[in-house]
Amino acid sequence: MNDTITTTRGWVPEPDGRGTWGILSTCVLTIVLCCWTSVSPNLPAQSDGAFRKWRYKFDLACIAILGSEFLLMLALGQWSSARCSVKNFYEAGYKDWTIKHAFFADMGAFG
């Protein structure tokens, strides 16, 4: 005989212990906070205000929530652009141009 019987429950209310809403809300909050802290937007323009900076970070966090692969592709695109920049500068005779300079320039920091 099989002595292990698994019962499936639906929605569990809060007063009877840790309910479904408590579990779901803490999971969602954890995911949102992790996405918010993990994104690192480019340097803002000097003309950008506080709301625009917040909005750009919010947009990146939403992309991270919807699919982390999108952020991975964005990062790979920036890395590829930086490597291309280093190669072009090296071919033009600027031997001191590094990948750090290229990332910094792609962020819009030299302008």
PDB file of N, CA and C in Angstrom:
ATOM      1  N   MET A   1       0.824  -1.179   0.000  1.00  0.00           N
ATOM      2  CA  MET A   1       0.000   0.000   0.000  1.00  0.00           C
ATOM      3  C   MET A   1       0.871   1.245   0.000  1.00  0.00           C
ATOM      4  N   ASN A   2       0.319   2.279  -0.575  1.00  0.00           N
ATOM      5  CA  ASN A   2       1.008   3.562  -0.641  1.00  0.00           C
ATOM      6  C   ASN A   2       0.518   4.439   0.509  1.00  0.00           C
ATOM      7  N   ASP A   3       1.394   4.667   1.507  1.00  0.00           N
ATOM      8  CA  ASP A   3       1.002   5.433   2.688  1.00  0.00           C
ATOM      9  C   ASP A   3       1.149   6.935   2.506  1.00  0.00           C
ATOM     10  N   THR A   4       1.797   7.363   1.436  1.00  0.00           N
ATOM     11  CA  THR A   4       1.987   8.808   1.230  1.00  0.00           C
ATOM     12  C   THR A   4       0.905   9.334   0.303  1.00  0.00           C
ATOM     13  N   ILE A   5       0.073  10.149   0.828  1.00  0.00           N
ATOM     14  CA  ILE A   5      -1.001  10.757   0.047  1.00  0.00           C
ATOM     15  C   ILE A   5      -0.716  12.249  -0.018  1.00  0.00           C
ATOM     16  N   THR A   6      -0.653  12.760  -1.208  1.00  0.00           N
ATOM     17  CA  THR A   6      -0.386  14.176  -1.406  1.00  0.00           C
ATOM     18  C   THR A   6      -1.700  14.891  -1.647  1.00  0.00           C
ATOM     19  N   THR A   7      -1.940  15.907  -0.847  1.00  0.00           N
ATOM     20  CA  THR A   7      -3.140  16.703  -1.057  1.00  0.00           C
ATOM     21  C   THR A   7      -2.738  18.054  -1.621  1.00  0.00           C
ATOM     22  N   THR A   8      -3.466  18.473  -2.583  1.00  0.00           N
ATOM     23  CA  THR A   8      -3.211  19.762  -3.208  1.00  0.00           C
ATOM     24  C   THR A   8      -4.203  20.766  -2.669  1.00  0.00           C
ATOM     25  N   ARG A   9      -3.696  21.907  -2.256  1.00  0.00           N
ATOM     26  CA  ARG A   9      -4.566  22.950  -1.738  1.00  0.00           C
ATOM     27  C   ARG A   9      -4.587  24.115  -2.705  1.00  0.00           C
ATOM     28  N   GLY A  10      -5.661  24.829  -2.691  1.00  0.00           N
ATOM     29  CA  GLY A  10      -5.772  26.039  -3.487  1.00  0.00           C
ATOM     30  C   GLY A  10      -5.307  27.233  -2.677  1.00  0.00           C
ATOM     31  N   TRP A  11      -6.059  28.275  -2.738  1.00  0.00           N
ATOM     32  CA  TRP A  11      -5.735  29.496  -2.007  1.00  0.00           C
ATOM     33  C   TRP A  11      -5.880  29.264  -0.509  1.00  0.00           C
ATOM     34  N   VAL A  12      -4.840  29.641   0.258  1.00  0.00           N
ATOM     35  CA  VAL A  12      -4.873  29.482   1.708  1.00  0.00           C
ATOM     36  C   VAL A  12      -4.975  30.871   2.321  1.00  0.00           C
ATOM     37  N   PRO A  13      -5.994  31.126   3.134  1.00  0.00           N
ATOM     38  CA  PRO A  13      -6.146  32.455   3.720  1.00  0.00           C
ATOM     39  C   PRO A  13      -5.056  32.746   4.758  1.00  0.00           C
ATOM     40  N   GLU A  14      -4.817  34.029   5.004  1.00  0.00           N
ATOM     41  CA  GLU A  14      -3.761  34.481   5.902  1.00  0.00           C
ATOM     42  C   GLU A  14      -3.964  34.108   7.376  1.00  0.00           C
ATOM     43  N   PRO A  15      -5.124  34.253   7.943  1.00  0.00           N
ATOM     44  CA  PRO A  15      -5.227  34.023   9.392  1.00  0.00           C
ATOM     45  C   PRO A  15      -4.869  32.605   9.828  1.00  0.00           C
ATOM     46  N   ASP A  16      -4.879  31.645   8.941  1.00  0.00           N
ATOM     47  CA  ASP A  16      -4.574  30.255   9.309  1.00  0.00           C
ATOM     48  C   ASP A  16      -3.082  29.938   9.219  1.00  0.00           C
ATOM     49  N   GLY A  17      -2.256  30.918   9.230  1.00  0.00           N
ATOM     50  CA  GLY A  17      -0.818  30.698   9.086  1.00  0.00           C
ATOM     51  C   GLY A  17      -0.302  31.519   7.922  1.00  0.00           C
ATOM     52  N   ARG A  18       0.779  31.088   7.374  1.00  0.00           N
ATOM     53  CA  ARG A  18       1.337  31.801   6.222  1.00  0.00           C
ATOM     54  C   ARG A  18       0.520  31.430   4.997  1.00  0.00           C
ATOM     55  N   GLY A  19      -0.262  32.370   4.549  1.00  0.00           N
ATOM     56  CA  GLY A  19      -1.178  32.101   3.460  1.00  0.00           C
ATOM     57  C   GLY A  19      -0.576  32.351   2.094  1.00  0.00           C
ATOM     58  N   THR A  20      -1.395  32.119   1.097  1.00  0.00           N
ATOM     59  CA  THR A  20      -0.964  32.255  -0.279  1.00  0.00           C
ATOM     60  C   THR A  20      -0.565  33.688  -0.592  1.00  0.00           C
ATOM     61  N   TRP A  21      -1.345  34.663  -0.142  1.00  0.00           N
ATOM     62  CA  TRP A  21      -1.033  36.057  -0.425  1.00  0.00           C
ATOM     63  C   TRP A  21       0.312  36.461   0.184  1.00  0.00           C
ATOM     64  N   GLY A  22       0.599  36.022   1.388  1.00  0.00           N
ATOM     65  CA  GLY A  22       1.871  36.332   2.030  1.00  0.00           C
ATOM     66  C   GLY A  22       3.057  35.770   1.264  1.00  0.00           C
ATOM     67  N   ILE A  23       2.929  34.548   0.795  1.00  0.00           N
ATOM     68  CA  ILE A  23       4.009  33.918   0.028  1.00  0.00           C
ATOM     69  C   ILE A  23       4.192  34.627  -1.309  1.00  0.00           C
ATOM     70  N   LEU A  24       3.091  34.867  -2.020  1.00  0.00           N
ATOM     71  CA  LEU A  24       3.193  35.526  -3.329  1.00  0.00           C
ATOM     72  C   LEU A  24       3.731  36.949  -3.222  1.00  0.00           C
ATOM     73  N   SER A  25       3.266  37.700  -2.243  1.00  0.00           N
ATOM     74  CA  SER A  25       3.698  39.096  -2.133  1.00  0.00           C
ATOM     75  C   SER A  25       5.183  39.195  -1.782  1.00  0.00           C
ATOM     76  N   THR A  26       5.683  38.324  -0.908  1.00  0.00           N
ATOM     77  CA  THR A  26       7.111  38.384  -0.583  1.00  0.00           C
ATOM     78  C   THR A  26       7.970  37.912  -1.751  1.00  0.00           C
ATOM     79  N   CYS A  27       7.495  36.954  -2.510  1.00  0.00           N
ATOM     80  CA  CYS A  27       8.243  36.511  -3.695  1.00  0.00           C
ATOM     81  C   CYS A  27       8.325  37.624  -4.735  1.00  0.00           C
ATOM     82  N   VAL A  28       7.198  38.260  -5.008  1.00  0.00           N
ATOM     83  CA  VAL A  28       7.183  39.350  -5.986  1.00  0.00           C
ATOM     84  C   VAL A  28       8.047  40.507  -5.519  1.00  0.00           C
ATOM     85  N   LEU A  29       7.956  40.869  -4.251  1.00  0.00           N
ATOM     86  CA  LEU A  29       8.774  41.950  -3.717  1.00  0.00           C
ATOM     87  C   LEU A  29      10.264  41.627  -3.827  1.00  0.00           C
ATOM     88  N   THR A  30      10.645  40.404  -3.543  1.00  0.00           N
ATOM     89  CA  THR A  30      12.045  39.999  -3.657  1.00  0.00           C
ATOM     90  C   THR A  30      12.536  40.086  -5.092  1.00  0.00           C
ATOM     91  N   ILE A  31      11.736  39.629  -6.034  1.00  0.00           N
ATOM     92  CA  ILE A  31      12.118  39.683  -7.444  1.00  0.00           C
ATOM     93  C   ILE A  31      12.265  41.130  -7.901  1.00  0.00           C
ATOM     94  N   VAL A  32      11.318  41.983  -7.533  1.00  0.00           N
ATOM     95  CA  VAL A  32      11.376  43.394  -7.933  1.00  0.00           C
ATOM     96  C   VAL A  32      12.607  44.072  -7.342  1.00  0.00           C
ATOM     97  N   LEU A  33      12.882  43.852  -6.067  1.00  0.00           N
ATOM     98  CA  LEU A  33      14.051  44.480  -5.438  1.00  0.00           C
ATOM     99  C   LEU A  33      15.361  43.970  -6.037  1.00  0.00           C
ATOM    100  N   CYS A  34      15.430  42.693  -6.339  1.00  0.00           N
ATOM    101  CA  CYS A  34      16.644  42.151  -6.962  1.00  0.00           C
ATOM    102  C   CYS A  34      16.861  42.745  -8.347  1.00  0.00           C
ATOM    103  N   CYS A  35      15.795  42.866  -9.120  1.00  0.00           N
ATOM    104  CA  CYS A  35      15.924  43.463 -10.456  1.00  0.00           C
ATOM    105  C   CYS A  35      16.279  44.934 -10.352  1.00  0.00           C
ATOM    106  N   TRP A  36      15.709  45.642  -9.395  1.00  0.00           N
ATOM    107  CA  TRP A  36      15.986  47.073  -9.234  1.00  0.00           C
ATOM    108  C   TRP A  36      17.456  47.309  -8.893  1.00  0.00           C
ATOM    109  N   THR A  37      18.000  46.490  -7.993  1.00  0.00           N
ATOM    110  CA  THR A  37      19.382  46.717  -7.573  1.00  0.00           C
ATOM    111  C   THR A  37      20.395  46.168  -8.563  1.00  0.00           C
ATOM    112  N   SER A  38      20.000  45.229  -9.403  1.00  0.00           N
ATOM    113  CA  SER A  38      20.968  44.617 -10.315  1.00  0.00           C
ATOM    114  C   SER A  38      21.177  45.419 -11.595  1.00  0.00           C
ATOM    115  N   VAL A  39      20.208  46.235 -11.994  1.00  0.00           N
ATOM    116  CA  VAL A  39      20.382  46.992 -13.235  1.00  0.00           C
ATOM    117  C   VAL A  39      21.266  48.198 -12.982  1.00  0.00           C
ATOM    118  N   SER A  40      22.035  48.532 -13.996  1.00  0.00           N
ATOM    119  CA  SER A  40      22.958  49.648 -13.890  1.00  0.00           C
ATOM    120  C   SER A  40      22.849  50.474 -15.174  1.00  0.00           C
ATOM    121  N   PRO A  41      22.039  51.512 -15.157  1.00  0.00           N
ATOM    122  CA  PRO A  41      21.838  52.284 -16.380  1.00  0.00           C
ATOM    123  C   PRO A  41      23.083  53.082 -16.763  1.00  0.00           C
ATOM    124  N   ASN A  42      23.117  53.488 -18.017  1.00  0.00           N
ATOM    125  CA  ASN A  42      24.207  54.321 -18.497  1.00  0.00           C
ATOM    126  C   ASN A  42      24.204  55.662 -17.772  1.00  0.00           C
ATOM    127  N   LEU A  43      25.306  56.370 -17.884  1.00  0.00           N
ATOM    128  CA  LEU A  43      25.375  57.694 -17.276  1.00  0.00           C
ATOM    129  C   LEU A  43      24.333  58.599 -17.915  1.00  0.00           C
ATOM    130  N   PRO A  44      23.615  59.359 -17.125  1.00  0.00           N
ATOM    131  CA  PRO A  44      22.590  60.240 -17.696  1.00  0.00           C
ATOM    132  C   PRO A  44      23.224  61.479 -18.333  1.00  0.00           C
ATOM    133  N   ALA A  45      22.486  62.088 -19.224  1.00  0.00           N
ATOM    134  CA  ALA A  45      22.936  63.351 -19.806  1.00  0.00           C
ATOM    135  C   ALA A  45      22.854  64.442 -18.744  1.00  0.00           C
ATOM    136  N   GLN A  46      23.605  65.506 -18.930  1.00  0.00           N
ATOM    137  CA  GLN A  46      23.590  66.586 -17.955  1.00  0.00           C
ATOM    138  C   GLN A  46      22.213  67.239 -17.868  1.00  0.00           C
ATOM    139  N   SER A  47      21.463  67.165 -18.947  1.00  0.00           N
ATOM    140  CA  SER A  47      20.144  67.797 -18.971  1.00  0.00           C
ATOM    141  C   SER A  47      19.054  66.916 -18.359  1.00  0.00           C
ATOM    142  N   ASP A  48      19.365  65.655 -18.070  1.00  0.00           N
ATOM    143  CA  ASP A  48      18.364  64.750 -17.502  1.00  0.00           C
ATOM    144  C   ASP A  48      18.078  65.100 -16.048  1.00  0.00           C
ATOM    145  N   GLY A  49      16.815  65.157 -15.734  1.00  0.00           N
ATOM    146  CA  GLY A  49      16.408  65.419 -14.358  1.00  0.00           C
ATOM    147  C   GLY A  49      16.307  64.130 -13.561  1.00  0.00           C
ATOM    148  N   ALA A  50      15.909  64.269 -12.310  1.00  0.00           N
ATOM    149  CA  ALA A  50      15.815  63.116 -11.419  1.00  0.00           C
ATOM    150  C   ALA A  50      14.760  62.123 -11.904  1.00  0.00           C
ATOM    151  N   PHE A  51      13.628  62.636 -12.423  1.00  0.00           N
ATOM    152  CA  PHE A  51      12.573  61.736 -12.878  1.00  0.00           C
ATOM    153  C   PHE A  51      13.034  60.920 -14.080  1.00  0.00           C
ATOM    154  N   ARG A  52      13.735  61.554 -14.998  1.00  0.00           N
ATOM    155  CA  ARG A  52      14.208  60.835 -16.189  1.00  0.00           C
ATOM    156  C   ARG A  52      15.215  59.756 -15.802  1.00  0.00           C
ATOM    157  N   LYS A  53      16.097  60.016 -14.849  1.00  0.00           N
ATOM    158  CA  LYS A  53      17.056  59.013 -14.378  1.00  0.00           C
ATOM    159  C   LYS A  53      16.314  57.838 -13.743  1.00  0.00           C
ATOM    160  N   TRP A  54      15.323  58.160 -12.904  1.00  0.00           N
ATOM    161  CA  TRP A  54      14.537  57.117 -12.256  1.00  0.00           C
ATOM    162  C   TRP A  54      13.780  56.301 -13.293  1.00  0.00           C
ATOM    163  N   ARG A  55      13.221  56.971 -14.288  1.00  0.00           N
ATOM    164  CA  ARG A  55      12.427  56.291 -15.317  1.00  0.00           C
ATOM    165  C   ARG A  55      13.279  55.321 -16.121  1.00  0.00           C
ATOM    166  N   TYR A  56      14.506  55.722 -16.441  1.00  0.00           N
ATOM    167  CA  TYR A  56      15.382  54.835 -17.202  1.00  0.00           C
ATOM    168  C   TYR A  56      15.729  53.587 -16.380  1.00  0.00           C
ATOM    169  N   LYS A  57      16.002  53.766 -15.102  1.00  0.00           N
ATOM    170  CA  LYS A  57      16.298  52.614 -14.243  1.00  0.00           C
ATOM    171  C   LYS A  57      15.051  51.744 -14.093  1.00  0.00           C
ATOM    172  N   PHE A  58      13.883  52.376 -13.963  1.00  0.00           N
ATOM    173  CA  PHE A  58      12.623  51.634 -13.865  1.00  0.00           C
ATOM    174  C   PHE A  58      12.384  50.804 -15.125  1.00  0.00           C
ATOM    175  N   ASP A  59      12.648  51.390 -16.293  1.00  0.00           N
ATOM    176  CA  ASP A  59      12.476  50.657 -17.550  1.00  0.00           C
ATOM    177  C   ASP A  59      13.393  49.440 -17.608  1.00  0.00           C
ATOM    178  N   LEU A  60      14.650  49.617 -17.199  1.00  0.00           N
ATOM    179  CA  LEU A  60      15.579  48.486 -17.192  1.00  0.00           C
ATOM    180  C   LEU A  60      15.142  47.408 -16.199  1.00  0.00           C
ATOM    181  N   ALA A  61      14.644  47.822 -15.049  1.00  0.00           N
ATOM    182  CA  ALA A  61      14.165  46.852 -14.060  1.00  0.00           C
ATOM    183  C   ALA A  61      12.971  46.073 -14.602  1.00  0.00           C
ATOM    184  N   CYS A  62      12.075  46.745 -15.314  1.00  0.00           N
ATOM    185  CA  CYS A  62      10.928  46.049 -15.920  1.00  0.00           C
ATOM    186  C   CYS A  62      11.389  45.047 -16.970  1.00  0.00           C
ATOM    187  N   ILE A  63      12.393  45.427 -17.755  1.00  0.00           N
ATOM    188  CA  ILE A  63      12.947  44.494 -18.740  1.00  0.00           C
ATOM    189  C   ILE A  63      13.536  43.290 -18.028  1.00  0.00           C
ATOM    190  N   ALA A  64      14.221  43.527 -16.905  1.00  0.00           N
ATOM    191  CA  ALA A  64      14.816  42.423 -16.146  1.00  0.00           C
ATOM    192  C   ALA A  64      13.742  41.497 -15.589  1.00  0.00           C
ATOM    193  N   ILE A  65      12.629  42.063 -15.152  1.00  0.00           N
ATOM    194  CA  ILE A  65      11.538  41.236 -14.617  1.00  0.00           C
ATOM    195  C   ILE A  65      10.912  40.404 -15.730  1.00  0.00           C
ATOM    196  N   LEU A  66      10.707  41.018 -16.885  1.00  0.00           N
ATOM    197  CA  LEU A  66      10.065  40.308 -17.991  1.00  0.00           C
ATOM    198  C   LEU A  66      10.956  39.224 -18.585  1.00  0.00           C
ATOM    199  N   GLY A  67      12.233  39.473 -18.616  1.00  0.00           N
ATOM    200  CA  GLY A  67      13.142  38.467 -19.166  1.00  0.00           C
ATOM    201  C   GLY A  67      14.580  38.888 -19.002  1.00  0.00           C
ATOM    202  N   SER A  68      15.290  38.161 -18.180  1.00  0.00           N
ATOM    203  CA  SER A  68      16.685  38.510 -17.940  1.00  0.00           C
ATOM    204  C   SER A  68      17.531  38.338 -19.193  1.00  0.00           C
ATOM    205  N   GLU A  69      17.061  37.537 -20.142  1.00  0.00           N
ATOM    206  CA  GLU A  69      17.791  37.352 -21.384  1.00  0.00           C
ATOM    207  C   GLU A  69      17.884  38.658 -22.173  1.00  0.00           C
ATOM    208  N   PHE A  70      16.874  39.519 -22.044  1.00  0.00           N
ATOM    209  CA  PHE A  70      16.909  40.805 -22.726  1.00  0.00           C
ATOM    210  C   PHE A  70      18.065  41.650 -22.212  1.00  0.00           C
ATOM    211  N   LEU A  71      18.265  41.641 -20.900  1.00  0.00           N
ATOM    212  CA  LEU A  71      19.393  42.391 -20.323  1.00  0.00           C
ATOM    213  C   LEU A  71      20.720  41.777 -20.738  1.00  0.00           C
ATOM    214  N   LEU A  72      20.772  40.464 -20.830  1.00  0.00           N
ATOM    215  CA  LEU A  72      21.992  39.809 -21.276  1.00  0.00           C
ATOM    216  C   LEU A  72      22.331  40.242 -22.698  1.00  0.00           C
ATOM    217  N   MET A  73      21.349  40.276 -23.574  1.00  0.00           N
ATOM    218  CA  MET A  73      21.587  40.705 -24.955  1.00  0.00           C
ATOM    219  C   MET A  73      21.999  42.177 -25.015  1.00  0.00           C
ATOM    220  N   LEU A  74      21.413  43.004 -24.170  1.00  0.00           N
ATOM    221  CA  LEU A  74      21.791  44.414 -24.104  1.00  0.00           C
ATOM    222  C   LEU A  74      23.249  44.553 -23.667  1.00  0.00           C
ATOM    223  N   ALA A  75      23.642  43.792 -22.653  1.00  0.00           N
ATOM    224  CA  ALA A  75      25.022  43.834 -22.170  1.00  0.00           C
ATOM    225  C   ALA A  75      25.998  43.295 -23.219  1.00  0.00           C
ATOM    226  N   LEU A  76      25.624  42.228 -23.908  1.00  0.00           N
ATOM    227  CA  LEU A  76      26.491  41.701 -24.958  1.00  0.00           C
ATOM    228  C   LEU A  76      26.647  42.695 -26.102  1.00  0.00           C
ATOM    229  N   GLY A  77      25.583  43.407 -26.427  1.00  0.00           N
ATOM    230  CA  GLY A  77      25.670  44.441 -27.460  1.00  0.00           C
ATOM    231  C   GLY A  77      26.614  45.563 -27.058  1.00  0.00           C
ATOM    232  N   GLN A  78      26.554  45.982 -25.801  1.00  0.00           N
ATOM    233  CA  GLN A  78      27.459  47.026 -25.325  1.00  0.00           C
ATOM    234  C   GLN A  78      28.898  46.528 -25.300  1.00  0.00           C
ATOM    235  N   TRP A  79      29.098  45.291 -24.904  1.00  0.00           N
ATOM    236  CA  TRP A  79      30.442  44.720 -24.883  1.00  0.00           C
ATOM    237  C   TRP A  79      31.015  44.634 -26.299  1.00  0.00           C
ATOM    238  N   SER A  80      30.190  44.202 -27.236  1.00  0.00           N
ATOM    239  CA  SER A  80      30.628  44.105 -28.633  1.00  0.00           C
ATOM    240  C   SER A  80      30.977  45.485 -29.192  1.00  0.00           C
ATOM    241  N   SER A  81      30.173  46.473 -28.870  1.00  0.00           N
ATOM    242  CA  SER A  81      30.439  47.843 -29.319  1.00  0.00           C
ATOM    243  C   SER A  81      31.742  48.374 -28.724  1.00  0.00           C
ATOM    244  N   ALA A  82      31.985  48.077 -27.455  1.00  0.00           N
ATOM    245  CA  ALA A  82      33.219  48.530 -26.804  1.00  0.00           C
ATOM    246  C   ALA A  82      34.440  47.854 -27.426  1.00  0.00           C
ATOM    247  N   ARG A  83      34.341  46.570 -27.702  1.00  0.00           N
ATOM    248  CA  ARG A  83      35.470  45.870 -28.340  1.00  0.00           C
ATOM    249  C   ARG A  83      35.756  46.430 -29.725  1.00  0.00           C
ATOM    250  N   CYS A  84      34.703  46.737 -30.468  1.00  0.00           N
ATOM    251  CA  CYS A  84      34.864  47.329 -31.800  1.00  0.00           C
ATOM    252  C   CYS A  84      35.522  48.702 -31.700  1.00  0.00           C
ATOM    253  N   SER A  85      35.151  49.459 -30.684  1.00  0.00           N
ATOM    254  CA  SER A  85      35.731  50.778 -30.464  1.00  0.00           C
ATOM    255  C   SER A  85      37.225  50.671 -30.170  1.00  0.00           C
ATOM    256  N   VAL A  86      37.595  49.726 -29.330  1.00  0.00           N
ATOM    257  CA  VAL A  86      39.012  49.525 -29.015  1.00  0.00           C
ATOM    258  C   VAL A  86      39.787  49.155 -30.276  1.00  0.00           C
ATOM    259  N   LYS A  87      39.229  48.276 -31.070  1.00  0.00           N
ATOM    260  CA  LYS A  87      39.883  47.859 -32.316  1.00  0.00           C
ATOM    261  C   LYS A  87      40.060  49.041 -33.259  1.00  0.00           C
ATOM    262  N   ASN A  88      39.020  49.853 -33.405  1.00  0.00           N
ATOM    263  CA  ASN A  88      39.097  51.005 -34.312  1.00  0.00           C
ATOM    264  C   ASN A  88      40.112  52.034 -33.832  1.00  0.00           C
ATOM    265  N   PHE A  89      40.147  52.290 -32.538  1.00  0.00           N
ATOM    266  CA  PHE A  89      41.124  53.235 -32.000  1.00  0.00           C
ATOM    267  C   PHE A  89      42.552  52.701 -32.156  1.00  0.00           C
ATOM    268  N   TYR A  90      42.719  51.409 -31.955  1.00  0.00           N
ATOM    269  CA  TYR A  90      44.039  50.805 -32.093  1.00  0.00           C
ATOM    270  C   TYR A  90      44.526  50.924 -33.531  1.00  0.00           C
ATOM    271  N   GLU A  91      43.629  50.664 -34.493  1.00  0.00           N
ATOM    272  CA  GLU A  91      43.987  50.778 -35.911  1.00  0.00           C
ATOM    273  C   GLU A  91      44.274  52.216 -36.317  1.00  0.00           C
ATOM    274  N   ALA A  92      43.662  53.183 -35.604  1.00  0.00           N
ATOM    275  CA  ALA A  92      43.884  54.603 -35.901  1.00  0.00           C
ATOM    276  C   ALA A  92      45.150  55.132 -35.224  1.00  0.00           C
ATOM    277  N   GLY A  93      45.823  54.286 -34.448  1.00  0.00           N
ATOM    278  CA  GLY A  93      47.078  54.696 -33.836  1.00  0.00           C
ATOM    279  C   GLY A  93      46.992  55.065 -32.374  1.00  0.00           C
ATOM    280  N   TYR A  94      45.828  54.964 -31.774  1.00  0.00           N
ATOM    281  CA  TYR A  94      45.671  55.250 -30.343  1.00  0.00           C
ATOM    282  C   TYR A  94      45.802  53.946 -29.571  1.00  0.00           C
ATOM    283  N   LYS A  95      47.029  53.664 -29.138  1.00  0.00           N
ATOM    284  CA  LYS A  95      47.315  52.383 -28.497  1.00  0.00           C
ATOM    285  C   LYS A  95      46.888  52.347 -27.028  1.00  0.00           C
ATOM    286  N   ASP A  96      46.612  53.500 -26.410  1.00  0.00           N
ATOM    287  CA  ASP A  96      46.263  53.548 -24.990  1.00  0.00           C
ATOM    288  C   ASP A  96      44.760  53.435 -24.732  1.00  0.00           C
ATOM    289  N   TRP A  97      43.955  53.319 -25.767  1.00  0.00           N
ATOM    290  CA  TRP A  97      42.504  53.219 -25.623  1.00  0.00           C
ATOM    291  C   TRP A  97      42.148  51.827 -25.142  1.00  0.00           C
ATOM    292  N   THR A  98      41.545  51.725 -23.970  1.00  0.00           N
ATOM    293  CA  THR A  98      41.240  50.419 -23.373  1.00  0.00           C
ATOM    294  C   THR A  98      39.746  50.133 -23.430  1.00  0.00           C
ATOM    295  N   ILE A  99      39.387  48.953 -23.013  1.00  0.00           N
ATOM    296  CA  ILE A  99      37.976  48.561 -22.978  1.00  0.00           C
ATOM    297  C   ILE A  99      37.206  49.430 -21.983  1.00  0.00           C
ATOM    298  N   LYS A 100      37.874  49.857 -20.900  1.00  0.00           N
ATOM    299  CA  LYS A 100      37.224  50.742 -19.933  1.00  0.00           C
ATOM    300  C   LYS A 100      36.890  52.085 -20.572  1.00  0.00           C
ATOM    301  N   HIS A 101      37.825  52.613 -21.351  1.00  0.00           N
ATOM    302  CA  HIS A 101      37.549  53.866 -22.063  1.00  0.00           C
ATOM    303  C   HIS A 101      36.365  53.687 -23.014  1.00  0.00           C
ATOM    304  N   ALA A 102      36.342  52.558 -23.702  1.00  0.00           N
ATOM    305  CA  ALA A 102      35.286  52.309 -24.684  1.00  0.00           C
ATOM    306  C   ALA A 102      33.911  52.208 -24.019  1.00  0.00           C
ATOM    307  N   PHE A 103      33.827  51.489 -22.899  1.00  0.00           N
ATOM    308  CA  PHE A 103      32.548  51.417 -22.172  1.00  0.00           C
ATOM    309  C   PHE A 103      32.130  52.800 -21.699  1.00  0.00           C
ATOM    310  N   PHE A 104      33.084  53.546 -21.186  1.00  0.00           N
ATOM    311  CA  PHE A 104      32.806  54.889 -20.671  1.00  0.00           C
ATOM    312  C   PHE A 104      32.299  55.798 -21.793  1.00  0.00           C
ATOM    313  N   ALA A 105      32.935  55.707 -22.964  1.00  0.00           N
ATOM    314  CA  ALA A 105      32.525  56.515 -24.115  1.00  0.00           C
ATOM    315  C   ALA A 105      31.143  56.096 -24.630  1.00  0.00           C
ATOM    316  N   ASP A 106      30.889  54.795 -24.664  1.00  0.00           N
ATOM    317  CA  ASP A 106      29.581  54.319 -25.131  1.00  0.00           C
ATOM    318  C   ASP A 106      28.451  54.740 -24.202  1.00  0.00           C
ATOM    319  N   MET A 107      28.774  54.959 -22.926  1.00  0.00           N
ATOM    320  CA  MET A 107      27.771  55.427 -21.975  1.00  0.00           C
ATOM    321  C   MET A 107      27.449  56.907 -22.172  1.00  0.00           C
ATOM    322  N   GLY A 108      28.265  57.587 -22.958  1.00  0.00           N
ATOM    323  CA  GLY A 108      28.037  59.002 -23.180  1.00  0.00           C
ATOM    324  C   GLY A 108      28.755  59.888 -22.187  1.00  0.00           C
ATOM    325  N   ALA A 109      29.809  59.378 -21.580  1.00  0.00           N
ATOM    326  CA  ALA A 109      30.482  60.130 -20.533  1.00  0.00           C
ATOM    327  C   ALA A 109      31.466  61.180 -21.059  1.00  0.00           C
ATOM    328  N   PHE A 110      31.888  61.057 -22.295  1.00  0.00           N
ATOM    329  CA  PHE A 110      32.840  62.024 -22.849  1.00  0.00           C
ATOM    330  C   PHE A 110      32.121  63.061 -23.683  1.00  0.00           C
ATOM    331  N   GLY A 111      31.065  63.610 -23.234  1.00  0.00           N
ATOM    332  CA  GLY A 111      30.412  64.539 -24.144  1.00  0.00           C
ATOM    333  C   GLY A 111      29.605  65.487 -23.471  1.00  0.00           C
TER     334      GLY A 111
END
